[in-house]
N, C-alpha and C. Protein backbone atom coordinates (compact mmCIF):
# COMPACT_ATOMS: atom_id res chain seq x y z
N MET A 1 103.49 115.97 123.29
CA MET A 1 102.63 117.06 122.84
C MET A 1 101.18 116.65 123.11
N GLU A 2 100.53 117.30 123.98
CA GLU A 2 99.15 116.99 124.34
C GLU A 2 98.25 118.16 123.97
N LYS A 3 97.09 117.85 123.46
CA LYS A 3 96.08 118.87 123.16
C LYS A 3 94.81 118.44 123.87
N SER A 4 94.08 119.40 124.39
CA SER A 4 92.81 119.04 125.00
C SER A 4 91.72 119.18 123.94
N SER A 5 90.87 118.18 123.88
CA SER A 5 89.84 118.15 122.86
C SER A 5 88.89 117.02 123.16
N ASN A 6 87.73 117.08 122.51
CA ASN A 6 86.79 115.97 122.61
C ASN A 6 87.07 114.92 121.54
N ALA A 7 87.99 115.21 120.62
CA ALA A 7 88.34 114.26 119.57
C ALA A 7 89.07 113.07 120.19
N ALA A 8 88.91 111.92 119.57
CA ALA A 8 89.58 110.72 120.06
C ALA A 8 91.09 110.91 120.00
N PRO A 9 91.81 110.36 120.96
CA PRO A 9 93.26 110.54 120.98
C PRO A 9 93.94 109.76 119.86
N LEU A 10 95.11 110.20 119.52
CA LEU A 10 95.98 109.50 118.59
C LEU A 10 97.17 109.00 119.41
N TYR A 11 97.31 107.69 119.48
CA TYR A 11 98.37 107.08 120.28
C TYR A 11 99.62 106.95 119.44
N TRP A 12 100.76 107.18 120.04
CA TRP A 12 102.00 107.10 119.28
C TRP A 12 103.11 106.48 120.11
N SER A 13 104.13 106.02 119.41
CA SER A 13 105.36 105.56 120.05
C SER A 13 106.49 105.67 119.04
N LEU A 14 107.68 105.51 119.53
CA LEU A 14 108.86 105.51 118.68
C LEU A 14 109.31 104.07 118.53
N LEU A 15 109.26 103.57 117.33
CA LEU A 15 109.77 102.23 117.05
C LEU A 15 111.27 102.37 116.82
N ALA A 16 112.05 101.78 117.68
CA ALA A 16 113.51 101.81 117.57
C ALA A 16 114.00 100.38 117.48
N TYR A 17 114.49 100.02 116.30
CA TYR A 17 114.97 98.66 116.07
C TYR A 17 116.21 98.74 115.18
N GLN A 18 117.33 98.27 115.68
CA GLN A 18 118.61 98.38 114.99
C GLN A 18 118.80 99.83 114.55
N ASP A 19 119.00 100.09 113.25
CA ASP A 19 119.18 101.48 112.82
C ASP A 19 117.88 102.10 112.32
N TRP A 20 116.75 101.46 112.62
CA TRP A 20 115.44 101.98 112.22
C TRP A 20 114.83 102.72 113.41
N ASN A 21 114.48 103.96 113.21
CA ASN A 21 113.77 104.76 114.21
C ASN A 21 112.63 105.46 113.49
N MET A 22 111.40 105.04 113.80
CA MET A 22 110.23 105.60 113.14
C MET A 22 109.13 105.82 114.16
N HIS A 23 108.46 106.95 114.05
CA HIS A 23 107.29 107.17 114.89
C HIS A 23 106.11 106.46 114.25
N ILE A 24 105.30 105.82 115.08
CA ILE A 24 104.09 105.18 114.60
C ILE A 24 102.91 105.73 115.38
N GLY A 25 101.75 105.75 114.73
CA GLY A 25 100.55 106.27 115.35
C GLY A 25 99.38 105.34 115.12
N ALA A 26 98.49 105.30 116.07
CA ALA A 26 97.32 104.44 115.96
C ALA A 26 96.12 105.10 116.64
N THR A 27 94.96 104.75 116.15
CA THR A 27 93.71 105.12 116.79
C THR A 27 93.16 103.85 117.44
N GLU A 28 92.01 103.96 118.05
CA GLU A 28 91.36 102.76 118.60
C GLU A 28 91.05 101.75 117.49
N LYS A 29 90.93 102.23 116.24
CA LYS A 29 90.57 101.36 115.11
C LYS A 29 91.75 100.67 114.44
N GLY A 30 92.95 101.25 114.56
CA GLY A 30 94.09 100.62 113.91
C GLY A 30 95.24 101.57 113.65
N LEU A 31 96.27 101.02 113.02
CA LEU A 31 97.46 101.78 112.67
C LEU A 31 97.11 102.85 111.65
N CYS A 32 97.47 104.08 111.94
CA CYS A 32 97.12 105.18 111.03
C CYS A 32 98.34 105.92 110.51
N TYR A 33 99.53 105.63 111.05
CA TYR A 33 100.71 106.38 110.64
C TYR A 33 101.98 105.57 110.90
N VAL A 34 102.82 105.49 109.88
CA VAL A 34 104.19 104.99 110.04
C VAL A 34 105.09 106.05 109.43
N GLY A 35 105.95 106.60 110.25
CA GLY A 35 106.77 107.72 109.82
C GLY A 35 108.01 107.33 109.06
N SER A 36 108.73 108.34 108.65
CA SER A 36 109.98 108.18 107.93
C SER A 36 111.09 107.80 108.89
N GLN A 37 112.08 107.11 108.35
CA GLN A 37 113.20 106.67 109.16
C GLN A 37 114.01 107.87 109.67
N ASN A 38 114.28 107.86 110.97
CA ASN A 38 115.14 108.84 111.62
C ASN A 38 114.66 110.29 111.48
N ARG A 39 113.35 110.47 111.42
CA ARG A 39 112.81 111.83 111.40
C ARG A 39 112.29 112.17 112.79
N SER A 40 112.17 113.43 113.05
CA SER A 40 111.77 113.89 114.38
C SER A 40 110.28 113.65 114.63
N PHE A 41 109.91 113.79 115.88
CA PHE A 41 108.51 113.70 116.29
C PHE A 41 107.66 114.72 115.54
N GLN A 42 108.28 115.82 115.15
CA GLN A 42 107.54 116.90 114.48
C GLN A 42 106.86 116.42 113.20
N GLU A 43 107.46 115.46 112.50
CA GLU A 43 106.83 114.91 111.30
C GLU A 43 105.46 114.33 111.64
N LEU A 44 105.39 113.54 112.70
CA LEU A 44 104.13 112.98 113.15
C LEU A 44 103.19 114.07 113.64
N ALA A 45 103.69 115.01 114.42
CA ALA A 45 102.84 116.07 114.97
C ALA A 45 102.21 116.91 113.86
N ASP A 46 102.99 117.24 112.84
CA ASP A 46 102.46 118.03 111.73
C ASP A 46 101.40 117.24 110.96
N TRP A 47 101.68 115.96 110.72
CA TRP A 47 100.71 115.12 110.01
C TRP A 47 99.42 115.01 110.82
N ALA A 48 99.54 114.76 112.12
CA ALA A 48 98.37 114.59 112.98
C ALA A 48 97.54 115.87 113.04
N ALA A 49 98.20 117.03 113.10
CA ALA A 49 97.47 118.31 113.15
C ALA A 49 96.64 118.49 111.89
N ALA A 50 97.14 118.04 110.75
CA ALA A 50 96.42 118.19 109.48
C ALA A 50 95.33 117.13 109.31
N ARG A 51 95.60 115.91 109.73
CA ARG A 51 94.68 114.79 109.47
C ARG A 51 93.75 114.45 110.62
N TYR A 52 94.16 114.78 111.84
CA TYR A 52 93.36 114.49 113.04
C TYR A 52 93.29 115.74 113.90
N PRO A 53 92.78 116.84 113.34
CA PRO A 53 92.77 118.10 114.09
C PRO A 53 92.02 117.95 115.42
N GLY A 54 92.62 118.47 116.45
CA GLY A 54 92.00 118.44 117.77
C GLY A 54 92.26 117.17 118.56
N SER A 55 92.85 116.16 117.93
CA SER A 55 93.15 114.92 118.65
C SER A 55 94.41 115.09 119.48
N ALA A 56 94.34 114.65 120.71
CA ALA A 56 95.51 114.68 121.57
C ALA A 56 96.49 113.60 121.10
N LEU A 57 97.76 113.94 121.07
CA LEU A 57 98.81 112.96 120.80
C LEU A 57 99.25 112.39 122.14
N VAL A 58 99.02 111.10 122.33
CA VAL A 58 99.28 110.45 123.61
C VAL A 58 100.30 109.34 123.41
N ARG A 59 101.45 109.45 124.04
CA ARG A 59 102.43 108.37 123.93
C ARG A 59 101.90 107.17 124.70
N ASP A 60 101.80 106.04 124.00
CA ASP A 60 101.29 104.82 124.62
C ASP A 60 101.92 103.63 123.90
N ASP A 61 103.06 103.19 124.43
CA ASP A 61 103.78 102.08 123.80
C ASP A 61 102.97 100.79 123.83
N ARG A 62 102.15 100.62 124.85
CA ARG A 62 101.31 99.42 124.93
C ARG A 62 100.28 99.40 123.81
N MET A 63 99.68 100.53 123.55
CA MET A 63 98.63 100.63 122.53
C MET A 63 99.19 100.37 121.13
N THR A 64 100.43 100.72 120.92
CA THR A 64 101.03 100.57 119.59
C THR A 64 101.90 99.32 119.46
N GLN A 65 102.01 98.53 120.52
CA GLN A 65 102.93 97.39 120.52
C GLN A 65 102.64 96.38 119.41
N ARG A 66 101.39 96.10 119.18
CA ARG A 66 101.02 95.12 118.14
C ARG A 66 101.57 95.55 116.77
N TYR A 67 101.48 96.83 116.49
CA TYR A 67 101.95 97.36 115.21
C TYR A 67 103.47 97.35 115.16
N ALA A 68 104.10 97.74 116.27
CA ALA A 68 105.56 97.73 116.35
C ALA A 68 106.08 96.31 116.16
N ASP A 69 105.44 95.33 116.79
CA ASP A 69 105.88 93.93 116.66
C ASP A 69 105.85 93.48 115.20
N GLU A 70 104.77 93.81 114.48
CA GLU A 70 104.68 93.40 113.08
C GLU A 70 105.72 94.12 112.23
N LEU A 71 105.96 95.39 112.50
CA LEU A 71 106.98 96.13 111.75
C LEU A 71 108.37 95.56 112.01
N ILE A 72 108.67 95.21 113.25
CA ILE A 72 109.97 94.61 113.57
C ILE A 72 110.11 93.26 112.86
N GLU A 73 109.06 92.45 112.87
CA GLU A 73 109.10 91.17 112.16
C GLU A 73 109.39 91.39 110.68
N TYR A 74 108.77 92.42 110.10
CA TYR A 74 109.03 92.75 108.70
C TYR A 74 110.51 93.13 108.52
N LEU A 75 111.02 94.01 109.36
CA LEU A 75 112.40 94.47 109.25
C LEU A 75 113.40 93.34 109.47
N GLU A 76 112.99 92.29 110.20
CA GLU A 76 113.83 91.11 110.40
C GLU A 76 113.74 90.14 109.23
N GLY A 77 112.83 90.40 108.28
CA GLY A 77 112.64 89.50 107.15
C GLY A 77 111.74 88.33 107.47
N ALA A 78 111.03 88.39 108.59
CA ALA A 78 110.17 87.29 109.02
C ALA A 78 108.69 87.52 108.69
N ARG A 79 108.35 88.66 108.12
CA ARG A 79 106.95 88.98 107.81
C ARG A 79 106.90 89.62 106.43
N GLU A 80 105.99 89.11 105.59
CA GLU A 80 105.83 89.66 104.25
C GLU A 80 104.55 90.47 104.09
N SER A 81 103.61 90.30 105.00
CA SER A 81 102.37 91.06 104.94
C SER A 81 101.94 91.38 106.37
N PHE A 82 101.03 92.32 106.47
CA PHE A 82 100.61 92.81 107.79
C PHE A 82 99.17 92.40 108.06
N THR A 83 98.91 91.98 109.29
CA THR A 83 97.58 91.52 109.65
C THR A 83 96.88 92.43 110.65
N ALA A 84 97.63 93.29 111.31
CA ALA A 84 97.03 94.20 112.28
C ALA A 84 96.12 95.18 111.55
N PRO A 85 95.05 95.63 112.18
CA PRO A 85 94.12 96.54 111.51
C PRO A 85 94.76 97.90 111.23
N ALA A 86 94.28 98.52 110.17
CA ALA A 86 94.73 99.87 109.81
C ALA A 86 93.53 100.80 109.86
N ASP A 87 93.79 102.06 110.15
CA ASP A 87 92.77 103.10 110.12
C ASP A 87 93.23 104.14 109.12
N LEU A 88 92.97 103.85 107.85
CA LEU A 88 93.39 104.74 106.77
C LEU A 88 92.26 105.69 106.44
N ARG A 89 92.58 106.97 106.41
CA ARG A 89 91.59 107.98 106.08
C ARG A 89 92.09 108.76 104.87
N GLY A 90 91.28 108.75 103.84
CA GLY A 90 91.63 109.47 102.63
C GLY A 90 90.42 109.56 101.73
N THR A 91 90.61 110.13 100.57
CA THR A 91 89.53 110.20 99.60
C THR A 91 89.29 108.80 99.04
N PRO A 92 88.15 108.57 98.41
CA PRO A 92 87.93 107.26 97.78
C PRO A 92 89.05 106.91 96.79
N PHE A 93 89.54 107.91 96.05
CA PHE A 93 90.62 107.66 95.10
C PHE A 93 91.89 107.24 95.84
N GLN A 94 92.26 107.96 96.90
CA GLN A 94 93.45 107.60 97.67
C GLN A 94 93.32 106.20 98.24
N LEU A 95 92.16 105.89 98.80
CA LEU A 95 91.96 104.56 99.38
C LEU A 95 92.10 103.48 98.33
N ALA A 96 91.61 103.72 97.11
CA ALA A 96 91.76 102.75 96.02
C ALA A 96 93.23 102.55 95.67
N VAL A 97 93.98 103.64 95.61
CA VAL A 97 95.41 103.55 95.31
C VAL A 97 96.12 102.79 96.42
N TRP A 98 95.83 103.13 97.68
CA TRP A 98 96.50 102.47 98.80
C TRP A 98 96.18 100.98 98.84
N LYS A 99 94.94 100.62 98.49
CA LYS A 99 94.59 99.20 98.42
C LYS A 99 95.41 98.52 97.32
N ALA A 100 95.55 99.17 96.17
CA ALA A 100 96.35 98.61 95.07
C ALA A 100 97.80 98.42 95.50
N LEU A 101 98.33 99.34 96.28
CA LEU A 101 99.70 99.19 96.78
C LEU A 101 99.82 97.92 97.62
N GLY A 102 98.80 97.67 98.43
CA GLY A 102 98.80 96.47 99.26
C GLY A 102 98.73 95.18 98.45
N ASP A 103 98.30 95.29 97.19
CA ASP A 103 98.22 94.11 96.33
C ASP A 103 99.52 93.81 95.59
N ILE A 104 100.52 94.68 95.72
CA ILE A 104 101.82 94.42 95.08
C ILE A 104 102.51 93.33 95.90
N PRO A 105 102.86 92.22 95.28
CA PRO A 105 103.50 91.14 96.05
C PRO A 105 104.84 91.57 96.66
N TYR A 106 105.12 91.02 97.81
CA TYR A 106 106.37 91.24 98.53
C TYR A 106 107.54 90.95 97.59
N GLY A 107 108.52 91.84 97.60
CA GLY A 107 109.71 91.63 96.79
C GLY A 107 109.56 92.02 95.33
N GLN A 108 108.40 92.52 94.95
CA GLN A 108 108.17 92.93 93.57
C GLN A 108 107.90 94.43 93.52
N THR A 109 107.98 94.99 92.33
CA THR A 109 107.69 96.40 92.15
C THR A 109 106.68 96.57 91.03
N ARG A 110 106.04 97.73 91.04
CA ARG A 110 105.11 98.13 89.99
C ARG A 110 105.39 99.60 89.67
N THR A 111 104.95 100.03 88.52
CA THR A 111 105.10 101.44 88.13
C THR A 111 103.83 102.20 88.49
N TYR A 112 103.93 103.52 88.42
CA TYR A 112 102.75 104.36 88.64
C TYR A 112 101.68 104.03 87.61
N THR A 113 102.10 103.76 86.39
CA THR A 113 101.16 103.38 85.33
C THR A 113 100.45 102.08 85.68
N ASP A 114 101.21 101.11 86.21
CA ASP A 114 100.60 99.85 86.63
C ASP A 114 99.52 100.08 87.68
N ILE A 115 99.80 100.96 88.64
CA ILE A 115 98.83 101.24 89.70
C ILE A 115 97.59 101.90 89.10
N ALA A 116 97.79 102.85 88.20
CA ALA A 116 96.65 103.52 87.55
C ALA A 116 95.79 102.48 86.82
N GLU A 117 96.42 101.52 86.18
CA GLU A 117 95.67 100.47 85.49
C GLU A 117 94.99 99.54 86.48
N MET A 118 95.65 99.25 87.60
CA MET A 118 95.06 98.37 88.62
C MET A 118 93.76 98.95 89.17
N ILE A 119 93.69 100.28 89.28
CA ILE A 119 92.47 100.90 89.82
C ILE A 119 91.51 101.32 88.70
N ARG A 120 91.81 100.90 87.48
CA ARG A 120 90.96 101.15 86.30
C ARG A 120 90.81 102.64 85.97
N LYS A 121 91.90 103.37 86.19
CA LYS A 121 91.94 104.79 85.84
C LYS A 121 93.29 105.04 85.14
N PRO A 122 93.45 104.48 83.93
CA PRO A 122 94.76 104.52 83.28
C PRO A 122 95.28 105.91 82.94
N SER A 123 94.42 106.90 82.89
CA SER A 123 94.88 108.26 82.56
C SER A 123 95.20 109.07 83.82
N SER A 124 95.17 108.45 84.98
CA SER A 124 95.35 109.19 86.23
C SER A 124 96.72 108.95 86.87
N VAL A 125 97.75 108.78 86.06
CA VAL A 125 99.08 108.45 86.59
C VAL A 125 99.58 109.52 87.55
N ARG A 126 99.41 110.79 87.22
CA ARG A 126 99.88 111.86 88.12
C ARG A 126 99.09 111.88 89.42
N ALA A 127 97.80 111.67 89.33
CA ALA A 127 96.97 111.62 90.55
C ALA A 127 97.36 110.43 91.40
N VAL A 128 97.70 109.32 90.76
CA VAL A 128 98.19 108.14 91.49
C VAL A 128 99.45 108.51 92.26
N GLY A 129 100.35 109.24 91.61
CA GLY A 129 101.58 109.68 92.28
C GLY A 129 101.28 110.54 93.49
N ALA A 130 100.32 111.43 93.37
CA ALA A 130 99.95 112.29 94.49
C ALA A 130 99.34 111.47 95.63
N ALA A 131 98.50 110.49 95.29
CA ALA A 131 97.90 109.64 96.32
C ALA A 131 98.96 108.81 97.02
N ILE A 132 99.92 108.32 96.27
CA ILE A 132 101.01 107.55 96.88
C ILE A 132 101.80 108.45 97.82
N GLY A 133 102.04 109.68 97.41
CA GLY A 133 102.77 110.63 98.25
C GLY A 133 102.03 110.97 99.54
N ALA A 134 100.72 110.81 99.54
CA ALA A 134 99.91 111.10 100.73
C ALA A 134 99.72 109.87 101.62
N ASN A 135 100.29 108.73 101.24
CA ASN A 135 100.15 107.51 102.03
C ASN A 135 100.71 107.71 103.43
N PRO A 136 99.88 107.56 104.47
CA PRO A 136 100.36 107.79 105.82
C PRO A 136 101.10 106.61 106.45
N ASN A 137 100.94 105.43 105.88
CA ASN A 137 101.49 104.23 106.50
C ASN A 137 102.64 103.66 105.67
N LEU A 138 103.81 104.30 105.78
CA LEU A 138 104.97 103.76 105.11
C LEU A 138 105.18 102.31 105.55
N ILE A 139 105.68 101.51 104.71
CA ILE A 139 105.99 100.09 104.90
C ILE A 139 104.73 99.24 104.88
N THR A 140 103.77 99.47 105.77
CA THR A 140 102.59 98.59 105.82
C THR A 140 101.69 98.76 104.61
N VAL A 141 101.65 99.95 104.04
CA VAL A 141 101.04 100.20 102.73
C VAL A 141 102.24 100.45 101.83
N PRO A 142 102.69 99.41 101.12
CA PRO A 142 104.04 99.40 100.54
C PRO A 142 104.26 100.29 99.32
N CYS A 143 104.22 101.59 99.54
CA CYS A 143 104.47 102.53 98.45
C CYS A 143 105.93 102.49 98.00
N HIS A 144 106.80 101.90 98.82
CA HIS A 144 108.20 101.76 98.41
C HIS A 144 108.35 100.82 97.22
N ARG A 145 107.32 100.02 96.93
CA ARG A 145 107.36 99.07 95.81
C ARG A 145 106.98 99.71 94.48
N VAL A 146 106.76 101.02 94.47
CA VAL A 146 106.41 101.71 93.23
C VAL A 146 107.64 102.44 92.70
N ILE A 147 107.93 102.18 91.42
CA ILE A 147 109.11 102.75 90.78
C ILE A 147 108.68 103.48 89.50
N GLY A 148 109.59 104.22 88.93
CA GLY A 148 109.32 104.91 87.68
C GLY A 148 109.20 103.94 86.52
N LYS A 149 108.58 104.40 85.46
CA LYS A 149 108.35 103.58 84.27
C LYS A 149 109.65 103.03 83.70
N ASN A 150 110.74 103.79 83.85
CA ASN A 150 112.04 103.36 83.33
C ASN A 150 112.81 102.49 84.32
N GLY A 151 112.16 102.13 85.44
CA GLY A 151 112.79 101.28 86.44
C GLY A 151 113.56 102.05 87.51
N ALA A 152 113.62 103.38 87.39
CA ALA A 152 114.37 104.19 88.35
C ALA A 152 113.57 104.37 89.64
N LEU A 153 114.31 104.50 90.73
CA LEU A 153 113.66 104.82 92.00
C LEU A 153 113.18 106.26 91.92
N THR A 154 111.99 106.48 92.41
CA THR A 154 111.39 107.81 92.38
C THR A 154 111.09 108.25 93.79
N GLY A 155 110.54 109.43 93.95
CA GLY A 155 110.26 110.01 95.24
C GLY A 155 109.60 109.08 96.24
N TYR A 156 109.89 109.35 97.49
CA TYR A 156 109.36 108.55 98.59
C TYR A 156 109.37 109.44 99.83
N ARG A 157 108.25 109.50 100.55
CA ARG A 157 108.17 110.38 101.72
C ARG A 157 109.29 110.09 102.72
N GLY A 158 109.68 108.86 102.85
CA GLY A 158 110.74 108.49 103.77
C GLY A 158 112.14 108.76 103.25
N GLY A 159 112.24 109.18 101.99
CA GLY A 159 113.54 109.44 101.37
C GLY A 159 113.98 108.23 100.56
N LEU A 160 114.80 108.49 99.55
CA LEU A 160 115.24 107.40 98.67
C LEU A 160 116.14 106.40 99.39
N GLU A 161 116.86 106.83 100.41
CA GLU A 161 117.69 105.89 101.17
C GLU A 161 116.81 104.84 101.87
N MET A 162 115.71 105.29 102.48
CA MET A 162 114.80 104.36 103.14
C MET A 162 114.15 103.43 102.11
N LYS A 163 113.74 103.99 100.99
CA LYS A 163 113.11 103.19 99.93
C LYS A 163 114.07 102.12 99.46
N THR A 164 115.31 102.50 99.22
CA THR A 164 116.33 101.55 98.77
C THR A 164 116.52 100.43 99.79
N LYS A 165 116.61 100.79 101.07
CA LYS A 165 116.80 99.79 102.12
C LYS A 165 115.63 98.80 102.18
N LEU A 166 114.41 99.31 102.02
CA LEU A 166 113.23 98.43 102.07
C LEU A 166 113.21 97.49 100.87
N LEU A 167 113.50 98.02 99.69
CA LEU A 167 113.53 97.17 98.49
C LEU A 167 114.64 96.12 98.58
N GLU A 168 115.80 96.50 99.09
CA GLU A 168 116.90 95.55 99.26
C GLU A 168 116.53 94.47 100.28
N LEU A 169 115.89 94.87 101.38
CA LEU A 169 115.45 93.90 102.38
C LEU A 169 114.54 92.86 101.73
N GLU A 170 113.54 93.32 101.00
CA GLU A 170 112.60 92.39 100.38
C GLU A 170 113.29 91.53 99.31
N ARG A 171 114.16 92.13 98.54
CA ARG A 171 114.88 91.38 97.51
C ARG A 171 115.73 90.30 98.15
N ASN A 172 116.45 90.64 99.23
CA ASN A 172 117.31 89.67 99.91
C ASN A 172 116.52 88.54 100.54
N VAL A 173 115.38 88.86 101.16
CA VAL A 173 114.55 87.83 101.77
C VAL A 173 113.98 86.92 100.68
N SER A 174 113.49 87.51 99.61
CA SER A 174 112.93 86.72 98.51
C SER A 174 114.00 85.83 97.89
N TYR A 175 115.21 86.37 97.70
CA TYR A 175 116.31 85.60 97.13
C TYR A 175 116.68 84.44 98.04
N SER A 176 116.75 84.69 99.34
CA SER A 176 117.10 83.64 100.30
C SER A 176 116.05 82.53 100.30
N LYS A 177 114.78 82.89 100.25
CA LYS A 177 113.72 81.88 100.23
C LYS A 177 113.76 81.07 98.94
N GLU A 178 114.06 81.74 97.82
CA GLU A 178 114.16 81.04 96.55
C GLU A 178 115.35 80.07 96.57
N ALA A 179 116.46 80.47 97.16
CA ALA A 179 117.64 79.61 97.24
C ALA A 179 117.35 78.38 98.08
N VAL A 180 116.58 78.54 99.14
CA VAL A 180 116.23 77.41 100.02
C VAL A 180 115.35 76.41 99.27
N ARG A 181 114.48 76.92 98.40
CA ARG A 181 113.56 76.04 97.65
C ARG A 181 114.29 75.18 96.63
N ARG A 182 115.45 75.64 96.16
CA ARG A 182 116.17 74.92 95.10
C ARG A 182 116.81 73.67 95.58
């Protein structure tokens, strides 16, 4: 899908690794989108039209390779954090929430209330939920690590199956590393 415009292009590729298939997007500044597992290109196209209006969507596997490599390392259990640059665009509140998500340690979870307290806005639990729902970078901004106050899995843009798989991956890697230390 190409659009002509003076806006900077949005580069994309399909990350296909084992049973993981996700569209990823990047600007010249960094990773700006990690899609849901096994969703169509349309998910990315709709998001890009809303967040990067007028930007051409340009398939460029070379441009996105650095991000794909880090995501694959994560899915293999060999990476716990991401070092490639991100280009996150949101309100100051959303950016604060997304930063707090990045502070949740690998293999651990926090509640929406915890996140609201982390950003020093304890009465904004619902707004925190909305900001988490608007997170464009699944996995690299680990919104899958947020659970309900009662410990239940709650909504996730990628679906609860994807959220469960990511939490199990992190739990298994953490458990394996702990067993090796003993």
